[in-house]
């Protein structure tokens, strides 16, 4: 099983917003929140409980890079 990425969640949110016929502002908010990278607090918990700190730090870094690359392309203002 692969980890869900910010791009996948953003694409799913975009499709859902279109299916629900949301107003443009509401659709932008939904897509933006879905596409945001993993929060740093996940890493803090992993370190605190000494569980999978390295994979979590990688997920946070990768999610942040992907969000930085895809959010401007998606036209999120």
C-alpha atoms as a PDB file:
ATOM      1  CA  UNK A   1       0.000   0.000   0.000  1.00  0.00           C
ATOM      2  CA  UNK A   2       1.403   3.381  -0.946  1.00  0.00           C
ATOM      3  CA  UNK A   3       1.070   6.570   1.021  1.00  0.00           C
ATOM      4  CA  UNK A   4      -1.472   9.084  -0.177  1.00  0.00           C
ATOM      5  CA  UNK A   5       0.211  12.222  -1.445  1.00  0.00           C
ATOM      6  CA  UNK A   6      -0.889  15.823  -1.363  1.00  0.00           C
ATOM      7  CA  UNK A   7      -1.348  15.743  -5.141  1.00  0.00           C
ATOM      8  CA  UNK A   8      -3.700  12.769  -4.910  1.00  0.00           C
ATOM      9  CA  UNK A   9      -5.778  14.409  -2.200  1.00  0.00           C
ATOM     10  CA  UNK A  10      -5.895  17.688  -4.097  1.00  0.00           C
ATOM     11  CA  UNK A  11      -7.031  15.955  -7.287  1.00  0.00           C
ATOM     12  CA  UNK A  12      -9.705  14.017  -5.409  1.00  0.00           C
ATOM     13  CA  UNK A  13     -10.908  17.215  -3.731  1.00  0.00           C
ATOM     14  CA  UNK A  14     -11.037  18.981  -7.085  1.00  0.00           C
ATOM     15  CA  UNK A  15     -13.170  16.220  -8.585  1.00  0.00           C
ATOM     16  CA  UNK A  16     -15.437  16.143  -5.551  1.00  0.00           C
ATOM     17  CA  UNK A  17     -15.872  19.921  -5.670  1.00  0.00           C
ATOM     18  CA  UNK A  18     -16.853  19.682  -9.339  1.00  0.00           C
ATOM     19  CA  UNK A  19     -19.258  16.802  -8.688  1.00  0.00           C
ATOM     20  CA  UNK A  20     -20.914  18.734  -5.861  1.00  0.00           C
ATOM     21  CA  UNK A  21     -21.013  21.860  -8.034  1.00  0.00           C
ATOM     22  CA  UNK A  22     -19.476  23.994  -5.290  1.00  0.00           C
ATOM     23  CA  UNK A  23     -19.088  27.739  -5.814  1.00  0.00           C
ATOM     24  CA  UNK A  24     -15.581  28.713  -7.013  1.00  0.00           C
ATOM     25  CA  UNK A  25     -14.422  30.113  -3.665  1.00  0.00           C
ATOM     26  CA  UNK A  26     -15.606  27.040  -1.738  1.00  0.00           C
ATOM     27  CA  UNK A  27     -13.979  24.743  -4.312  1.00  0.00           C
ATOM     28  CA  UNK A  28     -10.677  26.644  -3.981  1.00  0.00           C
ATOM     29  CA  UNK A  29     -10.768  26.286  -0.192  1.00  0.00           C
ATOM     30  CA  UNK A  30     -11.500  22.550  -0.371  1.00  0.00           C
ATOM     31  CA  UNK A  31      -8.694  21.916  -2.873  1.00  0.00           C
ATOM     32  CA  UNK A  32      -6.233  24.064  -0.945  1.00  0.00           C
ATOM     33  CA  UNK A  33      -6.858  22.300   2.362  1.00  0.00           C
ATOM     34  CA  UNK A  34      -6.687  18.862   0.743  1.00  0.00           C
ATOM     35  CA  UNK A  35      -3.443  19.656  -1.073  1.00  0.00           C
ATOM     36  CA  UNK A  36      -1.607  21.127   1.903  1.00  0.00           C
ATOM     37  CA  UNK A  37       1.446  19.174   3.010  1.00  0.00           C
ATOM     38  CA  UNK A  38       1.643  16.952   6.065  1.00  0.00           C
ATOM     39  CA  UNK A  39       1.906  18.935   9.269  1.00  0.00           C
ATOM     40  CA  UNK A  40       5.108  19.099  11.242  1.00  0.00           C
ATOM     41  CA  UNK A  41       3.228  18.022  14.353  1.00  0.00           C
ATOM     42  CA  UNK A  42       3.169  14.468  12.920  1.00  0.00           C
ATOM     43  CA  UNK A  43       6.973  14.508  13.070  1.00  0.00           C
ATOM     44  CA  UNK A  44       6.920  15.887  16.607  1.00  0.00           C
ATOM     45  CA  UNK A  45       4.678  13.026  17.753  1.00  0.00           C
ATOM     46  CA  UNK A  46       6.861  10.459  15.956  1.00  0.00           C
ATOM     47  CA  UNK A  47       9.973  11.743  17.718  1.00  0.00           C
ATOM     48  CA  UNK A  48       8.239  12.051  21.071  1.00  0.00           C
ATOM     49  CA  UNK A  49       6.959   8.477  20.951  1.00  0.00           C
ATOM     50  CA  UNK A  50      10.090   7.176  19.193  1.00  0.00           C
ATOM     51  CA  UNK A  51       8.111   5.685  16.302  1.00  0.00           C
ATOM     52  CA  UNK A  52       9.082   5.977  12.637  1.00  0.00           C
ATOM     53  CA  UNK A  53      10.682   9.416  12.908  1.00  0.00           C
ATOM     54  CA  UNK A  54      12.718   9.014   9.698  1.00  0.00           C
ATOM     55  CA  UNK A  55       9.822   7.994   7.423  1.00  0.00           C
ATOM     56  CA  UNK A  56       7.614  10.705   8.908  1.00  0.00           C
ATOM     57  CA  UNK A  57      10.270  13.370   8.379  1.00  0.00           C
ATOM     58  CA  UNK A  58      10.608  12.205   4.773  1.00  0.00           C
ATOM     59  CA  UNK A  59       6.844  12.391   4.281  1.00  0.00           C
ATOM     60  CA  UNK A  60       6.748  15.922   5.681  1.00  0.00           C
ATOM     61  CA  UNK A  61       9.633  17.042   3.437  1.00  0.00           C
ATOM     62  CA  UNK A  62       8.229  15.354   0.326  1.00  0.00           C
ATOM     63  CA  UNK A  63       4.731  16.673   0.939  1.00  0.00           C
ATOM     64  CA  UNK A  64       6.034  20.202   1.392  1.00  0.00           C
ATOM     65  CA  UNK A  65       8.059  20.036  -1.824  1.00  0.00           C
ATOM     66  CA  UNK A  66       5.151  18.587  -3.790  1.00  0.00           C
ATOM     67  CA  UNK A  67       2.757  21.207  -2.447  1.00  0.00           C
ATOM     68  CA  UNK A  68       5.207  23.978  -3.328  1.00  0.00           C
ATOM     69  CA  UNK A  69       5.445  22.617  -6.854  1.00  0.00           C
ATOM     70  CA  UNK A  70       1.776  21.792  -7.480  1.00  0.00           C
ATOM     71  CA  UNK A  71      -0.247  24.479  -5.700  1.00  0.00           C
ATOM     72  CA  UNK A  72       0.956  27.311  -7.977  1.00  0.00           C
ATOM     73  CA  UNK A  73       0.285  25.175 -11.061  1.00  0.00           C
ATOM     74  CA  UNK A  74      -3.223  24.342  -9.842  1.00  0.00           C
ATOM     75  CA  UNK A  75      -4.010  28.049  -9.834  1.00  0.00           C
ATOM     76  CA  UNK A  76      -4.719  28.299  -6.132  1.00  0.00           C
ATOM     77  CA  UNK A  77      -4.440  31.966  -5.248  1.00  0.00           C
END
